Amino acid sequence: MGMEQTQEERTVILGSKSGLHARPAAIFVQKAKEFQSQITVSKNDKTANGKSILSILTLGAKQGDQVVLKIDGDDAQMAIKKLSTLLEEDLG
């Protein structure tokens, strides 16, 4: 029996002036890939794979938008802290 699967969910307001565009999306995805957990980012009825830049870009998320970060896996608690903080910052 390994560690218990954890699921974390948090609603975050995007801080980046350019939203989740190329550079911020790349920074987010790079950080997301450091975690084992499954990571999704949702906006309204669209859900993106947190480890795919193309997927994240299709959300068209802008500064001030609410997005829901869902993380499923052994390192979900650590991932939700790091990634939600990242989304709230202005990543340029």
PDB file of N, CA and C in Angstrom:
ATOM      1  N   MET A   1       0.849  -1.204   0.000  1.00  0.00           N
ATOM      2  CA  MET A   1       0.000   0.000   0.000  1.00  0.00           C
ATOM      3  C   MET A   1       0.885   1.256   0.000  1.00  0.00           C
ATOM      4  N   GLY A   2       0.721   2.064  -1.036  1.00  0.00           N
ATOM      5  CA  GLY A   2       1.513   3.290  -1.137  1.00  0.00           C
ATOM      6  C   GLY A   2       0.829   4.431  -0.402  1.00  0.00           C
ATOM      7  N   MET A   3       1.269   5.618  -0.683  1.00  0.00           N
ATOM      8  CA  MET A   3       0.636   6.787  -0.085  1.00  0.00           C
ATOM      9  C   MET A   3      -0.779   6.914  -0.626  1.00  0.00           C
ATOM     10  N   GLU A   4      -1.626   7.522   0.186  1.00  0.00           N
ATOM     11  CA  GLU A   4      -3.004   7.682  -0.253  1.00  0.00           C
ATOM     12  C   GLU A   4      -3.112   8.756  -1.326  1.00  0.00           C
ATOM     13  N   GLN A   5      -3.949   8.496  -2.303  1.00  0.00           N
ATOM     14  CA  GLN A   5      -4.197   9.493  -3.353  1.00  0.00           C
ATOM     15  C   GLN A   5      -4.908  10.688  -2.720  1.00  0.00           C
ATOM     16  N   THR A   6      -4.470  11.859  -3.052  1.00  0.00           N
ATOM     17  CA  THR A   6      -5.088  13.062  -2.527  1.00  0.00           C
ATOM     18  C   THR A   6      -5.645  13.863  -3.684  1.00  0.00           C
ATOM     19  N   GLN A   7      -6.790  14.491  -3.444  1.00  0.00           N
ATOM     20  CA  GLN A   7      -7.336  15.378  -4.456  1.00  0.00           C
ATOM     21  C   GLN A   7      -7.472  16.765  -3.853  1.00  0.00           C
ATOM     22  N   GLU A   8      -6.961  17.737  -4.571  1.00  0.00           N
ATOM     23  CA  GLU A   8      -7.020  19.123  -4.110  1.00  0.00           C
ATOM     24  C   GLU A   8      -7.690  19.965  -5.183  1.00  0.00           C
ATOM     25  N   GLU A   9      -8.480  20.935  -4.745  1.00  0.00           N
ATOM     26  CA  GLU A   9      -9.120  21.835  -5.702  1.00  0.00           C
ATOM     27  C   GLU A   9      -9.108  23.243  -5.133  1.00  0.00           C
ATOM     28  N   ARG A  10      -8.785  24.209  -5.978  1.00  0.00           N
ATOM     29  CA  ARG A  10      -8.743  25.594  -5.522  1.00  0.00           C
ATOM     30  C   ARG A  10      -9.128  26.527  -6.665  1.00  0.00           C
ATOM     31  N   THR A  11      -9.934  27.534  -6.346  1.00  0.00           N
ATOM     32  CA  THR A  11     -10.287  28.553  -7.335  1.00  0.00           C
ATOM     33  C   THR A  11      -9.317  29.717  -7.169  1.00  0.00           C
ATOM     34  N   VAL A  12      -8.735  30.131  -8.279  1.00  0.00           N
ATOM     35  CA  VAL A  12      -7.680  31.139  -8.263  1.00  0.00           C
ATOM     36  C   VAL A  12      -8.029  32.260  -9.238  1.00  0.00           C
ATOM     37  N   ILE A  13      -7.681  33.493  -8.875  1.00  0.00           N
ATOM     38  CA  ILE A  13      -7.826  34.629  -9.791  1.00  0.00           C
ATOM     39  C   ILE A  13      -6.474  34.841 -10.475  1.00  0.00           C
ATOM     40  N   LEU A  14      -6.472  34.829 -11.803  1.00  0.00           N
ATOM     41  CA  LEU A  14      -5.217  34.976 -12.555  1.00  0.00           C
ATOM     42  C   LEU A  14      -4.588  36.344 -12.351  1.00  0.00           C
ATOM     43  N   GLY A  15      -3.289  36.342 -12.040  1.00  0.00           N
ATOM     44  CA  GLY A  15      -2.585  37.590 -11.771  1.00  0.00           C
ATOM     45  C   GLY A  15      -1.809  38.157 -12.951  1.00  0.00           C
ATOM     46  N   SER A  16      -1.478  37.314 -13.926  1.00  0.00           N
ATOM     47  CA  SER A  16      -0.638  37.780 -15.035  1.00  0.00           C
ATOM     48  C   SER A  16      -1.363  38.771 -15.939  1.00  0.00           C
ATOM     49  N   LYS A  17      -0.681  39.872 -16.245  1.00  0.00           N
ATOM     50  CA  LYS A  17      -1.272  40.904 -17.112  1.00  0.00           C
ATOM     51  C   LYS A  17      -1.680  40.337 -18.463  1.00  0.00           C
ATOM     52  N   SER A  18      -0.893  39.383 -18.965  1.00  0.00           N
ATOM     53  CA  SER A  18      -1.219  38.802 -20.271  1.00  0.00           C
ATOM     54  C   SER A  18      -2.054  37.525 -20.134  1.00  0.00           C
ATOM     55  N   GLY A  19      -2.567  37.281 -18.927  1.00  0.00           N
ATOM     56  CA  GLY A  19      -3.363  36.075 -18.701  1.00  0.00           C
ATOM     57  C   GLY A  19      -2.488  34.840 -18.812  1.00  0.00           C
ATOM     58  N   LEU A  20      -3.106  33.719 -19.180  1.00  0.00           N
ATOM     59  CA  LEU A  20      -2.307  32.493 -19.351  1.00  0.00           C
ATOM     60  C   LEU A  20      -1.874  32.398 -20.800  1.00  0.00           C
ATOM     61  N   HIS A  21      -1.104  33.389 -21.231  1.00  0.00           N
ATOM     62  CA  HIS A  21      -0.612  33.417 -22.598  1.00  0.00           C
ATOM     63  C   HIS A  21       0.734  32.717 -22.654  1.00  0.00           C
ATOM     64  N   ALA A  22       1.427  32.808 -23.772  1.00  0.00           N
ATOM     65  CA  ALA A  22       2.624  32.004 -24.045  1.00  0.00           C
ATOM     66  C   ALA A  22       3.610  31.888 -22.879  1.00  0.00           C
ATOM     67  N   ARG A  23       4.149  33.020 -22.416  1.00  0.00           N
ATOM     68  CA  ARG A  23       5.194  32.961 -21.390  1.00  0.00           C
ATOM     69  C   ARG A  23       4.663  32.438 -20.052  1.00  0.00           C
ATOM     70  N   PRO A  24       3.590  33.034 -19.513  1.00  0.00           N
ATOM     71  CA  PRO A  24       3.054  32.514 -18.250  1.00  0.00           C
ATOM     72  C   PRO A  24       2.624  31.047 -18.354  1.00  0.00           C
ATOM     73  N   ALA A  25       2.055  30.670 -19.488  1.00  0.00           N
ATOM     74  CA  ALA A  25       1.634  29.275 -19.682  1.00  0.00           C
ATOM     75  C   ALA A  25       2.847  28.350 -19.650  1.00  0.00           C
ATOM     76  N   ALA A  26       3.931  28.771 -20.293  1.00  0.00           N
ATOM     77  CA  ALA A  26       5.157  27.966 -20.323  1.00  0.00           C
ATOM     78  C   ALA A  26       5.737  27.796 -18.923  1.00  0.00           C
ATOM     79  N   ILE A  27       5.741  28.879 -18.152  1.00  0.00           N
ATOM     80  CA  ILE A  27       6.262  28.833 -16.782  1.00  0.00           C
ATOM     81  C   ILE A  27       5.404  27.889 -15.933  1.00  0.00           C
ATOM     82  N   PHE A  28       4.083  28.016 -16.069  1.00  0.00           N
ATOM     83  CA  PHE A  28       3.158  27.169 -15.313  1.00  0.00           C
ATOM     84  C   PHE A  28       3.352  25.687 -15.653  1.00  0.00           C
ATOM     85  N   VAL A  29       3.388  25.383 -16.944  1.00  0.00           N
ATOM     86  CA  VAL A  29       3.515  23.994 -17.406  1.00  0.00           C
ATOM     87  C   VAL A  29       4.847  23.384 -16.948  1.00  0.00           C
ATOM     88  N   GLN A  30       5.906  24.174 -17.029  1.00  0.00           N
ATOM     89  CA  GLN A  30       7.223  23.705 -16.595  1.00  0.00           C
ATOM     90  C   GLN A  30       7.178  23.301 -15.118  1.00  0.00           C
ATOM     91  N   LYS A  31       6.530  24.130 -14.298  1.00  0.00           N
ATOM     92  CA  LYS A  31       6.405  23.849 -12.866  1.00  0.00           C
ATOM     93  C   LYS A  31       5.474  22.653 -12.634  1.00  0.00           C
ATOM     94  N   ALA A  32       4.381  22.587 -13.390  1.00  0.00           N
ATOM     95  CA  ALA A  32       3.411  21.492 -13.238  1.00  0.00           C
ATOM     96  C   ALA A  32       4.057  20.134 -13.516  1.00  0.00           C
ATOM     97  N   LYS A  33       4.976  20.115 -14.475  1.00  0.00           N
ATOM     98  CA  LYS A  33       5.634  18.858 -14.861  1.00  0.00           C
ATOM     99  C   LYS A  33       6.569  18.321 -13.777  1.00  0.00           C
ATOM    100  N   GLU A  34       6.877  19.160 -12.777  1.00  0.00           N
ATOM    101  CA  GLU A  34       7.728  18.701 -11.672  1.00  0.00           C
ATOM    102  C   GLU A  34       6.963  17.787 -10.719  1.00  0.00           C
ATOM    103  N   PHE A  35       5.641  17.770 -10.842  1.00  0.00           N
ATOM    104  CA  PHE A  35       4.814  16.964  -9.944  1.00  0.00           C
ATOM    105  C   PHE A  35       4.305  15.705 -10.633  1.00  0.00           C
ATOM    106  N   GLN A  36       4.125  14.646  -9.834  1.00  0.00           N
ATOM    107  CA  GLN A  36       3.614  13.369 -10.339  1.00  0.00           C
ATOM    108  C   GLN A  36       2.112  13.449 -10.604  1.00  0.00           C
ATOM    109  N   SER A  37       1.428  14.251  -9.815  1.00  0.00           N
ATOM    110  CA  SER A  37      -0.033  14.318  -9.853  1.00  0.00           C
ATOM    111  C   SER A  37      -0.588  14.720 -11.208  1.00  0.00           C
ATOM    112  N   GLN A  38      -1.848  14.359 -11.405  1.00  0.00           N
ATOM    113  CA  GLN A  38      -2.585  14.786 -12.587  1.00  0.00           C
ATOM    114  C   GLN A  38      -3.086  16.202 -12.286  1.00  0.00           C
ATOM    115  N   ILE A  39      -2.888  17.122 -13.222  1.00  0.00           N
ATOM    116  CA  ILE A  39      -3.208  18.530 -12.984  1.00  0.00           C
ATOM    117  C   ILE A  39      -4.098  19.058 -14.097  1.00  0.00           C
ATOM    118  N   THR A  40      -5.236  19.636 -13.712  1.00  0.00           N
ATOM    119  CA  THR A  40      -6.088  20.275 -14.716  1.00  0.00           C
ATOM    120  C   THR A  40      -6.396  21.705 -14.286  1.00  0.00           C
ATOM    121  N   VAL A  41      -6.588  22.555 -15.281  1.00  0.00           N
ATOM    122  CA  VAL A  41      -6.984  23.943 -15.058  1.00  0.00           C
ATOM    123  C   VAL A  41      -8.271  24.139 -15.845  1.00  0.00           C
ATOM    124  N   SER A  42      -9.314  24.638 -15.178  1.00  0.00           N
ATOM    125  CA  SER A  42     -10.603  24.829 -15.849  1.00  0.00           C
ATOM    126  C   SER A  42     -11.040  26.279 -15.795  1.00  0.00           C
ATOM    127  N   LYS A  43     -11.660  26.710 -16.891  1.00  0.00           N
ATOM    128  CA  LYS A  43     -12.270  28.037 -16.939  1.00  0.00           C
ATOM    129  C   LYS A  43     -13.622  27.864 -17.603  1.00  0.00           C
ATOM    130  N   ASN A  44     -14.679  28.258 -16.897  1.00  0.00           N
ATOM    131  CA  ASN A  44     -16.047  28.030 -17.359  1.00  0.00           C
ATOM    132  C   ASN A  44     -16.232  26.557 -17.717  1.00  0.00           C
ATOM    133  N   ASP A  45     -16.558  26.246 -18.970  1.00  0.00           N
ATOM    134  CA  ASP A  45     -16.816  24.848 -19.327  1.00  0.00           C
ATOM    135  C   ASP A  45     -15.621  24.183 -20.006  1.00  0.00           C
ATOM    136  N   LYS A  46     -14.480  24.883 -20.036  1.00  0.00           N
ATOM    137  CA  LYS A  46     -13.284  24.314 -20.674  1.00  0.00           C
ATOM    138  C   LYS A  46     -12.320  23.792 -19.616  1.00  0.00           C
ATOM    139  N   THR A  47     -11.747  22.634 -19.883  1.00  0.00           N
ATOM    140  CA  THR A  47     -10.750  22.064 -18.974  1.00  0.00           C
ATOM    141  C   THR A  47      -9.483  21.751 -19.753  1.00  0.00           C
ATOM    142  N   ALA A  48      -8.348  22.150 -19.176  1.00  0.00           N
ATOM    143  CA  ALA A  48      -7.064  21.941 -19.844  1.00  0.00           C
ATOM    144  C   ALA A  48      -6.160  21.046 -19.008  1.00  0.00           C
ATOM    145  N   ASN A  49      -5.310  20.306 -19.700  1.00  0.00           N
ATOM    146  CA  ASN A  49      -4.267  19.524 -19.051  1.00  0.00           C
ATOM    147  C   ASN A  49      -3.182  20.504 -18.593  1.00  0.00           C
ATOM    148  N   GLY A  50      -2.919  20.550 -17.299  1.00  0.00           N
ATOM    149  CA  GLY A  50      -1.954  21.489 -16.729  1.00  0.00           C
ATOM    150  C   GLY A  50      -0.522  21.261 -17.167  1.00  0.00           C
ATOM    151  N   LYS A  51      -0.262  20.127 -17.834  1.00  0.00           N
ATOM    152  CA  LYS A  51       1.097  19.825 -18.274  1.00  0.00           C
ATOM    153  C   LYS A  51       1.267  20.003 -19.781  1.00  0.00           C
ATOM    154  N   SER A  52       0.272  20.616 -20.424  1.00  0.00           N
ATOM    155  CA  SER A  52       0.330  20.835 -21.870  1.00  0.00           C
ATOM    156  C   SER A  52       0.120  22.309 -22.199  1.00  0.00           C
ATOM    157  N   ILE A  53       1.140  22.928 -22.798  1.00  0.00           N
ATOM    158  CA  ILE A  53       1.041  24.356 -23.143  1.00  0.00           C
ATOM    159  C   ILE A  53      -0.133  24.595 -24.089  1.00  0.00           C
ATOM    160  N   LEU A  54      -0.252  23.788 -25.141  1.00  0.00           N
ATOM    161  CA  LEU A  54      -1.344  23.975 -26.109  1.00  0.00           C
ATOM    162  C   LEU A  54      -2.697  23.903 -25.434  1.00  0.00           C
ATOM    163  N   SER A  55      -2.838  22.936 -24.541  1.00  0.00           N
ATOM    164  CA  SER A  55      -4.085  22.754 -23.812  1.00  0.00           C
ATOM    165  C   SER A  55      -4.403  23.994 -22.962  1.00  0.00           C
ATOM    166  N   ILE A  56      -3.405  24.495 -22.237  1.00  0.00           N
ATOM    167  CA  ILE A  56      -3.570  25.686 -21.388  1.00  0.00           C
ATOM    168  C   ILE A  56      -3.951  26.907 -22.234  1.00  0.00           C
ATOM    169  N   LEU A  57      -3.302  27.060 -23.387  1.00  0.00           N
ATOM    170  CA  LEU A  57      -3.578  28.214 -24.251  1.00  0.00           C
ATOM    171  C   LEU A  57      -5.019  28.218 -24.762  1.00  0.00           C
ATOM    172  N   THR A  58      -5.614  27.035 -24.948  1.00  0.00           N
ATOM    173  CA  THR A  58      -6.989  26.975 -25.468  1.00  0.00           C
ATOM    174  C   THR A  58      -8.010  27.515 -24.469  1.00  0.00           C
ATOM    175  N   LEU A  59      -7.623  27.665 -23.206  1.00  0.00           N
ATOM    176  CA  LEU A  59      -8.544  28.231 -22.209  1.00  0.00           C
ATOM    177  C   LEU A  59      -8.814  29.709 -22.494  1.00  0.00           C
ATOM    178  N   GLY A  60      -7.821  30.381 -23.086  1.00  0.00           N
ATOM    179  CA  GLY A  60      -7.948  31.810 -23.350  1.00  0.00           C
ATOM    180  C   GLY A  60      -8.160  32.613 -22.076  1.00  0.00           C
ATOM    181  N   ALA A  61      -7.524  32.188 -20.991  1.00  0.00           N
ATOM    182  CA  ALA A  61      -7.713  32.842 -19.694  1.00  0.00           C
ATOM    183  C   ALA A  61      -6.961  34.170 -19.628  1.00  0.00           C
ATOM    184  N   LYS A  62      -7.668  35.198 -19.143  1.00  0.00           N
ATOM    185  CA  LYS A  62      -7.105  36.547 -19.065  1.00  0.00           C
ATOM    186  C   LYS A  62      -6.916  36.967 -17.610  1.00  0.00           C
ATOM    187  N   GLN A  63      -6.152  38.048 -17.422  1.00  0.00           N
ATOM    188  CA  GLN A  63      -5.935  38.571 -16.071  1.00  0.00           C
ATOM    189  C   GLN A  63      -7.280  38.843 -15.408  1.00  0.00           C
ATOM    190  N   GLY A  64      -7.420  38.417 -14.147  1.00  0.00           N
ATOM    191  CA  GLY A  64      -8.658  38.648 -13.408  1.00  0.00           C
ATOM    192  C   GLY A  64      -9.682  37.534 -13.574  1.00  0.00           C
ATOM    193  N   ASP A  65      -9.447  36.628 -14.529  1.00  0.00           N
ATOM    194  CA  ASP A  65     -10.352  35.480 -14.706  1.00  0.00           C
ATOM    195  C   ASP A  65     -10.216  34.516 -13.529  1.00  0.00           C
ATOM    196  N   GLN A  66     -11.330  33.855 -13.222  1.00  0.00           N
ATOM    197  CA  GLN A  66     -11.299  32.798 -12.215  1.00  0.00           C
ATOM    198  C   GLN A  66     -11.037  31.478 -12.904  1.00  0.00           C
ATOM    199  N   VAL A  67     -10.049  30.762 -12.433  1.00  0.00           N
ATOM    200  CA  VAL A  67      -9.799  29.419 -12.955  1.00  0.00           C
ATOM    201  C   VAL A  67      -9.808  28.440 -11.784  1.00  0.00           C
ATOM    202  N   VAL A  68     -10.179  27.204 -12.082  1.00  0.00           N
ATOM    203  CA  VAL A  68     -10.195  26.177 -11.045  1.00  0.00           C
ATOM    204  C   VAL A  68      -9.043  25.214 -11.298  1.00  0.00           C
ATOM    205  N   LEU A  69      -8.201  25.099 -10.294  1.00  0.00           N
ATOM    206  CA  LEU A  69      -7.052  24.214 -10.354  1.00  0.00           C
ATOM    207  C   LEU A  69      -7.424  22.925  -9.634  1.00  0.00           C
ATOM    208  N   LYS A  70      -7.331  21.795 -10.342  1.00  0.00           N
ATOM    209  CA  LYS A  70      -7.630  20.493  -9.733  1.00  0.00           C
ATOM    210  C   LYS A  70      -6.402  19.615  -9.845  1.00  0.00           C
ATOM    211  N   ILE A  71      -6.026  19.038  -8.726  1.00  0.00           N
ATOM    212  CA  ILE A  71      -4.831  18.200  -8.704  1.00  0.00           C
ATOM    213  C   ILE A  71      -5.133  16.889  -7.994  1.00  0.00           C
ATOM    214  N   ASP A  72      -4.747  15.819  -8.629  1.00  0.00           N
ATOM    215  CA  ASP A  72      -5.048  14.472  -8.180  1.00  0.00           C
ATOM    216  C   ASP A  72      -3.779  13.641  -8.116  1.00  0.00           C
ATOM    217  N   GLY A  73      -3.374  13.215  -6.926  1.00  0.00           N
ATOM    218  CA  GLY A  73      -2.184  12.374  -6.835  1.00  0.00           C
ATOM    219  C   GLY A  73      -1.469  12.511  -5.505  1.00  0.00           C
ATOM    220  N   ASP A  74      -0.354  11.804  -5.387  1.00  0.00           N
ATOM    221  CA  ASP A  74       0.377  11.738  -4.124  1.00  0.00           C
ATOM    222  C   ASP A  74       0.950  13.080  -3.672  1.00  0.00           C
ATOM    223  N   ASP A  75       1.356  13.915  -4.625  1.00  0.00           N
ATOM    224  CA  ASP A  75       1.970  15.197  -4.235  1.00  0.00           C
ATOM    225  C   ASP A  75       1.018  16.376  -4.468  1.00  0.00           C
ATOM    226  N   ALA A  76      -0.283  16.092  -4.411  1.00  0.00           N
ATOM    227  CA  ALA A  76      -1.300  17.113  -4.698  1.00  0.00           C
ATOM    228  C   ALA A  76      -1.231  18.311  -3.753  1.00  0.00           C
ATOM    229  N   GLN A  77      -0.976  18.065  -2.467  1.00  0.00           N
ATOM    230  CA  GLN A  77      -0.959  19.175  -1.507  1.00  0.00           C
ATOM    231  C   GLN A  77       0.172  20.153  -1.785  1.00  0.00           C
ATOM    232  N   MET A  78       1.334  19.627  -2.072  1.00  0.00           N
ATOM    233  CA  MET A  78       2.480  20.472  -2.416  1.00  0.00           C
ATOM    234  C   MET A  78       2.223  21.191  -3.741  1.00  0.00           C
ATOM    235  N   ALA A  79       1.688  20.457  -4.706  1.00  0.00           N
ATOM    236  CA  ALA A  79       1.432  21.013  -6.037  1.00  0.00           C
ATOM    237  C   ALA A  79       0.410  22.146  -5.991  1.00  0.00           C
ATOM    238  N   ILE A  80      -0.662  21.974  -5.211  1.00  0.00           N
ATOM    239  CA  ILE A  80      -1.715  23.006  -5.182  1.00  0.00           C
ATOM    240  C   ILE A  80      -1.164  24.305  -4.596  1.00  0.00           C
ATOM    241  N   LYS A  81      -0.308  24.193  -3.591  1.00  0.00           N
ATOM    242  CA  LYS A  81       0.292  25.393  -2.985  1.00  0.00           C
ATOM    243  C   LYS A  81       1.149  26.135  -4.002  1.00  0.00           C
ATOM    244  N   LYS A  82       2.077  25.408  -4.608  1.00  0.00           N
ATOM    245  CA  LYS A  82       3.022  26.015  -5.549  1.00  0.00           C
ATOM    246  C   LYS A  82       2.316  26.593  -6.782  1.00  0.00           C
ATOM    247  N   LEU A  83       1.417  25.800  -7.367  1.00  0.00           N
ATOM    248  CA  LEU A  83       0.805  26.192  -8.641  1.00  0.00           C
ATOM    249  C   LEU A  83      -0.253  27.280  -8.484  1.00  0.00           C
ATOM    250  N   SER A  84      -1.000  27.259  -7.371  1.00  0.00           N
ATOM    251  CA  SER A  84      -1.995  28.321  -7.188  1.00  0.00           C
ATOM    252  C   SER A  84      -1.299  29.652  -6.933  1.00  0.00           C
ATOM    253  N   THR A  85      -0.198  29.620  -6.188  1.00  0.00           N
ATOM    254  CA  THR A  85       0.592  30.837  -5.951  1.00  0.00           C
ATOM    255  C   THR A  85       1.131  31.378  -7.273  1.00  0.00           C
ATOM    256  N   LEU A  86       1.609  30.468  -8.108  1.00  0.00           N
ATOM    257  CA  LEU A  86       2.150  30.835  -9.416  1.00  0.00           C
ATOM    258  C   LEU A  86       1.094  31.536 -10.278  1.00  0.00           C
ATOM    259  N   LEU A  87      -0.125  30.999 -10.286  1.00  0.00           N
ATOM    260  CA  LEU A  87      -1.202  31.580 -11.102  1.00  0.00           C
ATOM    261  C   LEU A  87      -1.595  32.973 -10.618  1.00  0.00           C
ATOM    262  N   GLU A  88      -1.454  33.214  -9.309  1.00  0.00           N
ATOM    263  CA  GLU A  88      -1.847  34.507  -8.742  1.00  0.00           C
ATOM    264  C   GLU A  88      -0.801  35.590  -8.993  1.00  0.00           C
ATOM    265  N   GLU A  89       0.433  35.177  -9.322  1.00  0.00           N
ATOM    266  CA  GLU A  89       1.508  36.145  -9.569  1.00  0.00           C
ATOM    267  C   GLU A  89       1.437  36.684 -10.994  1.00  0.00           C
ATOM    268  N   ASP A  90       2.094  37.843 -11.211  1.00  0.00           N
ATOM    269  CA  ASP A  90       2.217  38.349 -12.575  1.00  0.00           C
ATOM    270  C   ASP A  90       3.468  37.739 -13.186  1.00  0.00           C
ATOM    271  N   LEU A  91       3.278  36.788 -14.081  1.00  0.00           N
ATOM    272  CA  LEU A  91       4.410  36.073 -14.681  1.00  0.00           C
ATOM    273  C   LEU A  91       4.907  36.733 -15.961  1.00  0.00           C
ATOM    274  N   GLY A  92       4.389  37.912 -16.262  1.00  0.00           N
ATOM    275  CA  GLY A  92       4.877  38.684 -17.410  1.00  0.00           C
ATOM    276  C   GLY A  92       4.285  38.259 -18.736  1.00  0.00           C
TER     277      GLY A  92
END
